[in-house]
């Protein structure tokens, strides 16, 4: 970890601890108010003023204690950051597996604020290989992909995830460790897998614009001429890749090379769970004991807000109040000339049952994962449902790979020799 990253990590930790102390203080104040309200009713009008004086004294003491604890926690975080800076080894945090995972979660929760503060913990969008960020230059790509083929499969992870999440649960799902879609593609030798990491706390439209630029640099700098691209996204990653397609310009090279998109557990029509939480927020804000929960929901990162309706464009949020939790998504036509494929997961093995339709993969329901008809026609045969799979299982699952292999074979046939 670099010294600047360690210092910033300490500062962020301190702020998070202070926030936690403030939430505890808010709950304490709410409980105190409830208790004294009961005491006033029992004391009667003659003693109501005395109870109120005791209440005010109690509240002052509680607030003072909260401020004192907050200052202490903030100082503790800074001290830890300074100590970490002195002990840091100078390696970028994105090259250390454990810290990289922690920072990715932090980006998912606070990514927009980290970006706005130009924090060294804000993760830039980057191509990843062998646990490192790869410069999207001819030299950087040649060094990272010495055996590159002309067919490139680009993988985009979801909210709070990193590129390493495509490797999870290999032993559970494949029966042995170390297996993944990328490893199988490398072994087959036709497609070169490329993983992309990004700040999932940003708006999907911001990441879509960044992906648009990155894919252009990738195609221009690739070691051999690119014959075909397939874009594969898990959860939020599917929204980002469709947003990138909506950002393209006529003079670019990469859009004409895309043969297919594959979205896996992506809430194209918004995640019901995200909408439910947002709708619950006003009710929570009315109760003193739960106001802090409403405040946490209101402070959600911009990217999380896009999951409510599957927003792809910045225009969806234009002229809205900054505190708006959700915005209706505008209709973005599907990019033409591309085969659009969808993988849906359901926890129940019986994929077409009522429970499967309601539960989905625990985070995304089948109805939410389907591309809306108004966006364009999708062949029903390209909508595949995988039973017995939870949301994260879809990142690395044999049944998903069966479908992915079929679509990649199609894309290879559609990619002429240069």
Protein backbone atom coordinates (compact mmCIF):
# COMPACT_ATOMS: atom_id res chain seq x y z
CA UNK A 1 0.00 0.00 0.00
CA UNK A 2 1.27 3.47 -0.85
CA UNK A 3 1.68 5.99 2.01
CA UNK A 4 -1.02 8.25 0.53
CA UNK A 5 -3.43 5.29 0.34
CA UNK A 6 -2.72 4.29 3.94
CA UNK A 7 -3.29 7.86 5.15
CA UNK A 8 -6.55 8.08 3.24
CA UNK A 9 -7.67 4.67 4.51
CA UNK A 10 -7.19 5.89 8.07
CA UNK A 11 -9.15 9.04 7.38
CA UNK A 12 -12.03 7.14 5.80
CA UNK A 13 -12.04 4.62 8.65
CA UNK A 14 -12.20 7.46 11.17
CA UNK A 15 -15.11 9.08 9.35
CA UNK A 16 -16.95 5.77 9.18
CA UNK A 17 -16.46 5.22 12.92
CA UNK A 18 -17.67 8.75 13.63
CA UNK A 19 -20.74 8.09 11.52
CA UNK A 20 -21.43 4.93 13.49
CA UNK A 21 -21.09 6.80 16.79
CA UNK A 22 -23.50 9.46 15.55
CA UNK A 23 -26.05 6.81 14.59
CA UNK A 24 -25.79 5.30 18.07
CA UNK A 25 -26.26 8.78 19.53
CA UNK A 26 -29.36 9.35 17.39
CA UNK A 27 -30.91 6.10 18.57
CA UNK A 28 -30.04 6.94 22.18
CA UNK A 29 -31.69 10.34 21.88
CA UNK A 30 -34.81 8.78 20.37
CA UNK A 31 -35.03 6.27 23.22
CA UNK A 32 -34.49 9.03 25.79
CA UNK A 33 -37.27 11.11 24.24
CA UNK A 34 -39.66 8.17 24.31
CA UNK A 35 -38.84 7.45 27.93
CA UNK A 36 -39.29 11.02 29.09
CA UNK A 37 -42.55 11.35 27.15
CA UNK A 38 -43.90 8.47 29.25
CA UNK A 39 -42.44 10.05 32.40
CA UNK A 40 -44.20 13.35 31.68
CA UNK A 41 -47.55 11.65 31.33
CA UNK A 42 -47.04 9.80 34.61
CA UNK A 43 -45.74 12.86 36.49
CA UNK A 44 -48.68 15.06 35.58
CA UNK A 45 -48.68 18.77 34.78
CA UNK A 46 -47.31 19.84 38.17
CA UNK A 47 -44.03 18.01 37.64
CA UNK A 48 -43.81 18.16 33.85
CA UNK A 49 -41.37 21.10 33.88
CA UNK A 50 -39.05 19.26 36.27
CA UNK A 51 -39.05 16.16 34.04
CA UNK A 52 -38.30 18.39 31.04
CA UNK A 53 -35.28 19.92 32.81
CA UNK A 54 -33.94 16.45 33.57
CA UNK A 55 -34.58 15.46 29.95
CA UNK A 56 -32.65 18.45 28.61
CA UNK A 57 -29.73 17.71 30.93
CA UNK A 58 -29.74 14.09 29.81
CA UNK A 59 -29.77 15.09 26.15
CA UNK A 60 -26.90 17.55 26.63
CA UNK A 61 -24.85 14.85 28.31
CA UNK A 62 -25.64 12.33 25.54
CA UNK A 63 -24.76 14.79 22.77
CA UNK A 64 -21.55 15.81 24.52
CA UNK A 65 -20.54 12.19 24.92
CA UNK A 66 -21.26 11.52 21.25
CA UNK A 67 -19.10 14.47 20.18
CA UNK A 68 -16.26 13.40 22.45
CA UNK A 69 -16.37 9.82 21.21
CA UNK A 70 -16.54 11.10 17.63
CA UNK A 71 -13.43 13.24 18.04
CA UNK A 72 -11.62 10.31 19.58
CA UNK A 73 -12.59 7.95 16.77
CA UNK A 74 -11.61 10.45 14.10
CA UNK A 75 -8.22 10.91 15.77
CA UNK A 76 -7.82 7.15 16.05
CA UNK A 77 -8.47 6.74 12.33
CA UNK A 78 -5.91 9.42 11.46
CA UNK A 79 -3.36 7.89 13.78
CA UNK A 80 -3.84 4.48 12.19
CA UNK A 81 -3.48 6.07 8.76
CA UNK A 82 -0.20 7.75 9.73
CA UNK A 83 1.11 4.52 11.22
CA UNK A 84 0.12 2.64 8.10
CA UNK A 85 1.86 5.24 5.93
CA UNK A 86 5.11 4.74 7.84
CA UNK A 87 4.86 0.96 7.50
CA UNK A 88 3.61 0.86 3.90
CA UNK A 89 5.58 -1.10 1.34
CA UNK A 90 4.90 1.33 -1.51
CA UNK A 91 2.93 -1.15 -3.63
CA UNK A 92 -0.35 0.20 -5.08
CA UNK A 93 -3.35 -1.04 -3.13
CA UNK A 94 -4.83 -2.49 -6.33
CA UNK A 95 -1.99 -5.05 -6.38
CA UNK A 96 -2.71 -6.41 -2.90
CA UNK A 97 -5.58 -8.89 -2.98
CA UNK A 98 -7.08 -8.34 0.48
CA UNK A 99 -6.88 -4.53 0.56
CA UNK A 100 -8.09 -4.39 -3.05
CA UNK A 101 -11.25 -6.29 -2.10
CA UNK A 102 -11.88 -4.00 0.88
CA UNK A 103 -11.39 -0.87 -1.22
CA UNK A 104 -13.75 -2.23 -3.89
CA UNK A 105 -16.47 -2.56 -1.25
CA UNK A 106 -15.66 0.94 -0.04
CA UNK A 107 -16.02 2.20 -3.61
CA UNK A 108 -19.36 0.47 -3.93
CA UNK A 109 -20.60 2.28 -0.80
CA UNK A 110 -18.87 5.67 -1.13
CA UNK A 111 -17.38 5.65 -4.62
CA UNK A 112 -18.96 8.87 -5.84
CA UNK A 113 -17.72 10.79 -2.79
CA UNK A 114 -14.24 9.31 -3.07
CA UNK A 115 -14.13 10.34 -6.73
CA UNK A 116 -15.34 13.86 -5.96
CA UNK A 117 -12.65 14.25 -3.26
CA UNK A 118 -10.04 12.89 -5.68
CA UNK A 119 -9.25 10.27 -3.07
CA UNK A 120 -6.37 7.88 -3.83
CA UNK A 121 -8.81 5.12 -2.84
CA UNK A 122 -11.15 5.91 -5.73
CA UNK A 123 -10.66 3.03 -8.17
CA UNK A 124 -10.26 4.06 -11.81
CA UNK A 125 -11.68 1.87 -14.54
CA UNK A 126 -8.88 -0.38 -15.72
CA UNK A 127 -8.06 -3.55 -17.58
CA UNK A 128 -6.80 -6.15 -15.09
CA UNK A 129 -4.42 -9.06 -15.55
CA UNK A 130 -2.43 -11.13 -13.02
CA UNK A 131 -3.64 -8.96 -10.16
CA UNK A 132 -2.43 -5.69 -11.69
CA UNK A 133 -3.87 -2.74 -13.59
CA UNK A 134 -2.85 -2.91 -17.24
CA UNK A 135 -2.18 0.32 -19.14
CA UNK A 136 -4.48 0.39 -22.18
CA UNK A 137 -1.55 1.13 -24.46
CA UNK A 138 0.05 -1.04 -27.15
CA UNK A 139 3.04 -1.67 -24.88
CA UNK A 140 0.97 -2.42 -21.79
CA UNK A 141 -1.45 -4.73 -23.59
CA UNK A 142 1.34 -6.58 -25.41
CA UNK A 143 3.10 -7.28 -22.12
CA UNK A 144 -0.09 -8.47 -20.39
CA UNK A 145 -1.42 -10.56 -23.29
CA UNK A 146 1.55 -12.08 -25.14
CA UNK A 147 -0.66 -14.83 -26.61
CA UNK A 148 -3.55 -12.53 -27.58
CA UNK A 149 -6.01 -13.72 -30.20
CA UNK A 150 -8.17 -11.56 -32.44
CA UNK A 151 -11.30 -12.52 -30.51
CA UNK A 152 -11.72 -10.71 -27.18
CA UNK A 153 -14.25 -11.45 -24.42
CA UNK A 154 -14.53 -8.53 -21.99
CA UNK A 155 -15.81 -9.29 -18.47
CA UNK A 156 -17.36 -6.62 -16.21
CA UNK A 157 -18.18 -7.38 -12.57
CA UNK A 158 -21.07 -6.01 -10.49
CA UNK A 159 -21.64 -3.78 -7.48
CA UNK A 160 -18.84 -3.84 -4.82
CA UNK A 161 -17.10 -6.62 -6.74
CA UNK A 162 -13.69 -6.70 -8.40
CA UNK A 163 -12.29 -8.65 -11.34
CA UNK A 164 -11.27 -11.41 -8.90
CA UNK A 165 -14.91 -12.20 -8.14
CA UNK A 166 -15.16 -14.10 -11.43
CA UNK A 167 -13.08 -16.80 -9.67
CA UNK A 168 -15.31 -17.32 -6.62
CA UNK A 169 -17.03 -20.56 -5.59
CA UNK A 170 -15.10 -22.63 -8.10
CA UNK A 171 -14.85 -25.63 -5.79
CA UNK A 172 -18.56 -25.48 -4.91
CA UNK A 173 -19.77 -25.04 -8.47
CA UNK A 174 -17.15 -26.93 -10.49
CA UNK A 175 -16.04 -29.51 -7.94
CA UNK A 176 -12.42 -28.34 -7.88
CA UNK A 177 -10.63 -25.05 -7.13
CA UNK A 178 -9.19 -22.63 -9.65
CA UNK A 179 -11.77 -23.01 -12.43
CA UNK A 180 -13.40 -19.99 -14.05
CA UNK A 181 -14.81 -18.80 -17.35
CA UNK A 182 -11.51 -17.02 -18.08
CA UNK A 183 -9.37 -20.07 -17.39
CA UNK A 184 -11.53 -22.26 -19.62
CA UNK A 185 -11.39 -19.73 -22.45
CA UNK A 186 -7.62 -19.51 -22.17
CA UNK A 187 -7.36 -23.30 -22.31
CA UNK A 188 -9.54 -23.44 -25.41
CA UNK A 189 -7.39 -20.80 -27.12
CA UNK A 190 -10.01 -19.16 -29.33
CA UNK A 191 -11.05 -16.20 -27.17
CA UNK A 192 -8.83 -14.01 -25.03
CA UNK A 193 -10.59 -13.06 -21.78
CA UNK A 194 -10.08 -9.49 -20.56
CA UNK A 195 -11.35 -8.43 -17.15
CA UNK A 196 -12.23 -4.84 -16.33
CA UNK A 197 -12.40 -3.31 -12.86
CA UNK A 198 -14.30 -0.09 -12.08
CA UNK A 199 -15.68 2.11 -9.29
CA UNK A 200 -19.17 0.71 -8.77
CA UNK A 201 -20.29 3.65 -6.64
CA UNK A 202 -20.40 5.95 -9.67
CA UNK A 203 -23.37 6.42 -11.93
CA UNK A 204 -23.80 3.66 -14.49
CA UNK A 205 -23.70 6.38 -17.16
CA UNK A 206 -20.31 7.61 -15.89
CA UNK A 207 -18.90 4.09 -16.01
CA UNK A 208 -20.54 3.54 -19.39
CA UNK A 209 -18.71 6.56 -20.78
CA UNK A 210 -15.43 5.36 -19.30
CA UNK A 211 -15.94 1.88 -20.73
CA UNK A 212 -16.62 3.39 -24.13
CA UNK A 213 -13.22 5.11 -24.03
CA UNK A 214 -11.45 2.06 -22.60
CA UNK A 215 -12.78 -0.31 -25.25
CA UNK A 216 -11.63 2.04 -27.98
CA UNK A 217 -8.13 2.14 -26.48
CA UNK A 218 -8.21 -1.65 -26.05
CA UNK A 219 -9.10 -2.29 -29.69
CA UNK A 220 -6.61 0.24 -31.06
CA UNK A 221 -3.76 -0.99 -28.86
CA UNK A 222 -4.47 -4.75 -28.97
CA UNK A 223 -1.40 -6.81 -29.96
CA UNK A 224 -3.17 -8.32 -33.00
CA UNK A 225 -6.06 -7.00 -35.13
CA UNK A 226 -9.35 -7.52 -33.29
CA UNK A 227 -11.88 -9.56 -35.28
CA UNK A 228 -14.66 -9.71 -32.74
CA UNK A 229 -15.74 -8.56 -29.29
CA UNK A 230 -18.19 -10.07 -26.84
CA UNK A 231 -19.15 -8.00 -23.80
CA UNK A 232 -20.08 -9.99 -20.67
CA UNK A 233 -21.44 -8.32 -17.55
CA UNK A 234 -22.58 -9.60 -14.17
CA UNK A 235 -25.33 -7.63 -12.40
CA UNK A 236 -24.46 -3.91 -12.61
CA UNK A 237 -21.77 -4.79 -15.16
CA UNK A 238 -24.51 -5.63 -17.66
CA UNK A 239 -25.97 -2.14 -17.28
CA UNK A 240 -22.53 -0.58 -17.72
CA UNK A 241 -21.85 -2.40 -20.99
CA UNK A 242 -25.23 -1.38 -22.42
CA UNK A 243 -24.55 2.19 -21.30
CA UNK A 244 -21.21 2.07 -23.13
CA UNK A 245 -23.01 1.00 -26.30
CA UNK A 246 -25.31 4.00 -25.89
CA UNK A 247 -22.27 6.33 -25.67
CA UNK A 248 -20.60 5.29 -28.93
CA UNK A 249 -19.66 7.73 -31.69
CA UNK A 250 -19.51 7.09 -35.45
CA UNK A 251 -15.74 7.50 -35.70
CA UNK A 252 -14.96 4.75 -33.17
CA UNK A 253 -13.60 1.32 -34.04
CA UNK A 254 -14.86 -0.92 -31.23
CA UNK A 255 -18.67 -0.72 -31.69
CA UNK A 256 -18.55 -2.38 -35.10
CA UNK A 257 -16.58 -5.29 -33.64
CA UNK A 258 -19.16 -6.27 -31.00
CA UNK A 259 -20.86 -9.53 -31.98
CA UNK A 260 -22.83 -10.21 -28.80
CA UNK A 261 -23.58 -8.99 -25.30
CA UNK A 262 -24.15 -11.43 -22.44
CA UNK A 263 -25.71 -10.09 -19.27
CA UNK A 264 -25.75 -12.35 -16.22
CA UNK A 265 -28.14 -11.58 -13.36
CA UNK A 266 -28.49 -7.98 -14.57
CA UNK A 267 -31.51 -5.94 -13.38
CA UNK A 268 -32.32 -4.45 -16.79
CA UNK A 269 -35.70 -3.25 -15.56
CA UNK A 270 -34.42 -2.40 -12.10
CA UNK A 271 -34.03 -4.47 -8.96
CA UNK A 272 -37.21 -4.85 -6.93
CA UNK A 273 -35.17 -4.94 -3.72
CA UNK A 274 -33.65 -1.53 -4.51
CA UNK A 275 -37.05 -0.04 -5.27
CA UNK A 276 -38.49 -1.51 -2.07
CA UNK A 277 -35.76 0.00 0.10
CA UNK A 278 -36.23 3.42 -1.52
CA UNK A 279 -40.00 3.31 -1.00
CA UNK A 280 -39.52 2.34 2.64
CA UNK A 281 -37.29 5.34 3.32
CA UNK A 282 -40.05 7.98 3.85
CA UNK A 283 -41.74 5.81 6.47
CA UNK A 284 -38.45 5.23 8.27
CA UNK A 285 -37.75 8.97 8.30
CA UNK A 286 -40.93 9.63 10.28
CA UNK A 287 -39.82 7.62 13.32
CA UNK A 288 -37.02 8.99 15.52
CA UNK A 289 -35.69 5.49 16.17
CA UNK A 290 -35.32 4.74 12.45
CA UNK A 291 -34.42 8.17 11.06
CA UNK A 292 -30.78 7.10 10.91
CA UNK A 293 -31.71 4.21 8.61
CA UNK A 294 -33.49 6.63 6.27
CA UNK A 295 -30.38 8.84 6.31
CA UNK A 296 -28.19 5.89 5.37
CA UNK A 297 -30.49 5.08 2.47
CA UNK A 298 -30.46 8.72 1.35
CA UNK A 299 -26.65 8.69 1.42
CA UNK A 300 -26.45 5.70 -0.93
CA UNK A 301 -23.90 6.05 -3.75
CA UNK A 302 -25.07 7.24 -7.13
CA UNK A 303 -24.49 3.86 -8.76
CA UNK A 304 -26.79 2.12 -6.32
CA UNK A 305 -29.56 4.54 -7.26
CA UNK A 306 -29.30 3.38 -10.88
CA UNK A 307 -30.20 -0.15 -9.85
CA UNK A 308 -33.75 0.91 -8.96
CA UNK A 309 -34.88 1.20 -12.58
CA UNK A 310 -31.84 0.07 -14.58
CA UNK A 311 -30.77 3.60 -15.56
CA UNK A 312 -28.21 3.84 -18.36
CA UNK A 313 -28.13 7.57 -19.15
CA UNK A 314 -27.20 10.70 -17.21
CA UNK A 315 -30.28 12.40 -18.69
CA UNK A 316 -32.48 10.22 -16.47
CA UNK A 317 -31.29 12.23 -13.45
CA UNK A 318 -31.08 15.68 -15.01
CA UNK A 319 -33.04 18.44 -13.22
CA UNK A 320 -34.03 16.11 -10.36
CA UNK A 321 -33.56 16.99 -6.71
CA UNK A 322 -30.11 15.74 -5.52
CA UNK A 323 -31.84 13.77 -2.77
CA UNK A 324 -33.97 11.77 -5.22
CA UNK A 325 -33.41 8.06 -4.59
CA UNK A 326 -34.69 6.72 -7.91
CA UNK A 327 -35.41 8.02 -11.39
CA UNK A 328 -37.47 6.45 -14.13
CA UNK A 329 -35.19 5.07 -16.83
CA UNK A 330 -35.44 6.44 -20.33
CA UNK A 331 -35.80 3.99 -23.20
CA UNK A 332 -32.44 3.12 -24.71
CA UNK A 333 -32.80 1.08 -27.92
CA UNK A 334 -30.66 -2.03 -28.07
CA UNK A 335 -27.59 -1.63 -30.24
CA UNK A 336 -28.40 -3.02 -33.67
CA UNK A 337 -26.51 -5.78 -35.43
CA UNK A 338 -25.61 -7.41 -32.11
CA UNK A 339 -26.96 -10.59 -30.54
CA UNK A 340 -28.18 -9.69 -27.04
CA UNK A 341 -28.20 -12.62 -24.62
CA UNK A 342 -29.50 -12.84 -21.07
CA UNK A 343 -28.77 -15.28 -18.23
CA UNK A 344 -31.21 -15.35 -15.32
CA UNK A 345 -30.66 -17.20 -12.05
CA UNK A 346 -33.23 -18.71 -9.70
CA UNK A 347 -32.56 -20.21 -6.30
CA UNK A 348 -35.22 -22.93 -6.75
CA UNK A 349 -34.21 -25.65 -9.18
CA UNK A 350 -37.72 -25.51 -10.61
CA UNK A 351 -37.03 -22.49 -12.80
CA UNK A 352 -40.58 -21.78 -13.98
CA UNK A 353 -42.31 -22.12 -10.62
CA UNK A 354 -44.05 -19.31 -8.76
CA UNK A 355 -41.39 -19.23 -6.05
CA UNK A 356 -38.62 -18.91 -8.65
CA UNK A 357 -40.43 -15.95 -10.25
CA UNK A 358 -40.70 -14.16 -6.91
CA UNK A 359 -37.32 -15.04 -5.44
CA UNK A 360 -35.13 -15.10 -8.53
CA UNK A 361 -31.46 -15.31 -7.55
CA UNK A 362 -32.24 -13.57 -4.22
CA UNK A 363 -31.28 -10.12 -5.57
CA UNK A 364 -32.74 -10.01 -9.08
CA UNK A 365 -36.08 -11.48 -10.15
CA UNK A 366 -36.55 -13.02 -13.62
CA UNK A 367 -39.00 -10.28 -14.62
CA UNK A 368 -36.45 -7.60 -13.70
CA UNK A 369 -33.60 -9.36 -15.53
CA UNK A 370 -35.38 -9.47 -18.88
CA UNK A 371 -34.74 -6.74 -21.42
CA UNK A 372 -37.82 -4.55 -21.83
CA UNK A 373 -39.74 -5.12 -25.08
CA UNK A 374 -39.77 -1.40 -25.82
CA UNK A 375 -35.97 -1.44 -26.22
CA UNK A 376 -36.04 -3.84 -29.13
CA UNK A 377 -36.60 -7.45 -30.04
CA UNK A 378 -34.63 -10.19 -28.28
CA UNK A 379 -34.84 -13.78 -29.47
CA UNK A 380 -36.60 -15.72 -26.66
CA UNK A 381 -34.07 -18.51 -27.25
CA UNK A 382 -31.34 -16.13 -26.04
CA UNK A 383 -32.94 -15.81 -22.60
CA UNK A 384 -31.59 -18.68 -20.50
CA UNK A 385 -32.62 -19.49 -16.93
CA UNK A 386 -30.22 -21.32 -14.62
CA UNK A 387 -31.96 -23.05 -11.72
CA UNK A 388 -30.38 -23.67 -8.33
CA UNK A 389 -28.12 -20.62 -8.62
CA UNK A 390 -27.85 -17.60 -6.39
CA UNK A 391 -26.75 -14.17 -7.59
CA UNK A 392 -23.04 -14.71 -6.88
CA UNK A 393 -23.10 -18.29 -8.15
CA UNK A 394 -23.68 -16.87 -11.61
CA UNK A 395 -20.17 -15.40 -11.64
CA UNK A 396 -18.64 -18.85 -12.00
CA UNK A 397 -21.10 -21.62 -12.79
CA UNK A 398 -20.88 -24.56 -15.23
CA UNK A 399 -24.47 -24.12 -16.44
CA UNK A 400 -23.78 -20.47 -17.29
CA UNK A 401 -20.65 -21.48 -19.17
CA UNK A 402 -22.62 -23.88 -21.34
CA UNK A 403 -24.71 -20.97 -22.61
CA UNK A 404 -21.72 -18.63 -22.79
CA UNK A 405 -19.81 -21.15 -24.92
CA UNK A 406 -22.69 -21.37 -27.38
CA UNK A 407 -22.87 -17.60 -27.79
CA UNK A 408 -19.09 -17.26 -28.11
CA UNK A 409 -19.04 -19.92 -30.81
CA UNK A 410 -21.69 -17.95 -32.70
CA UNK A 411 -19.68 -14.75 -32.27
CA UNK A 412 -16.52 -16.46 -33.56
CA UNK A 413 -18.35 -17.55 -36.71
CA UNK A 414 -19.56 -13.98 -37.21
CA UNK A 415 -16.02 -12.58 -36.94
CA UNK A 416 -14.32 -12.70 -40.35
CA UNK A 417 -10.62 -13.32 -40.69
CA UNK A 418 -8.70 -10.06 -41.08
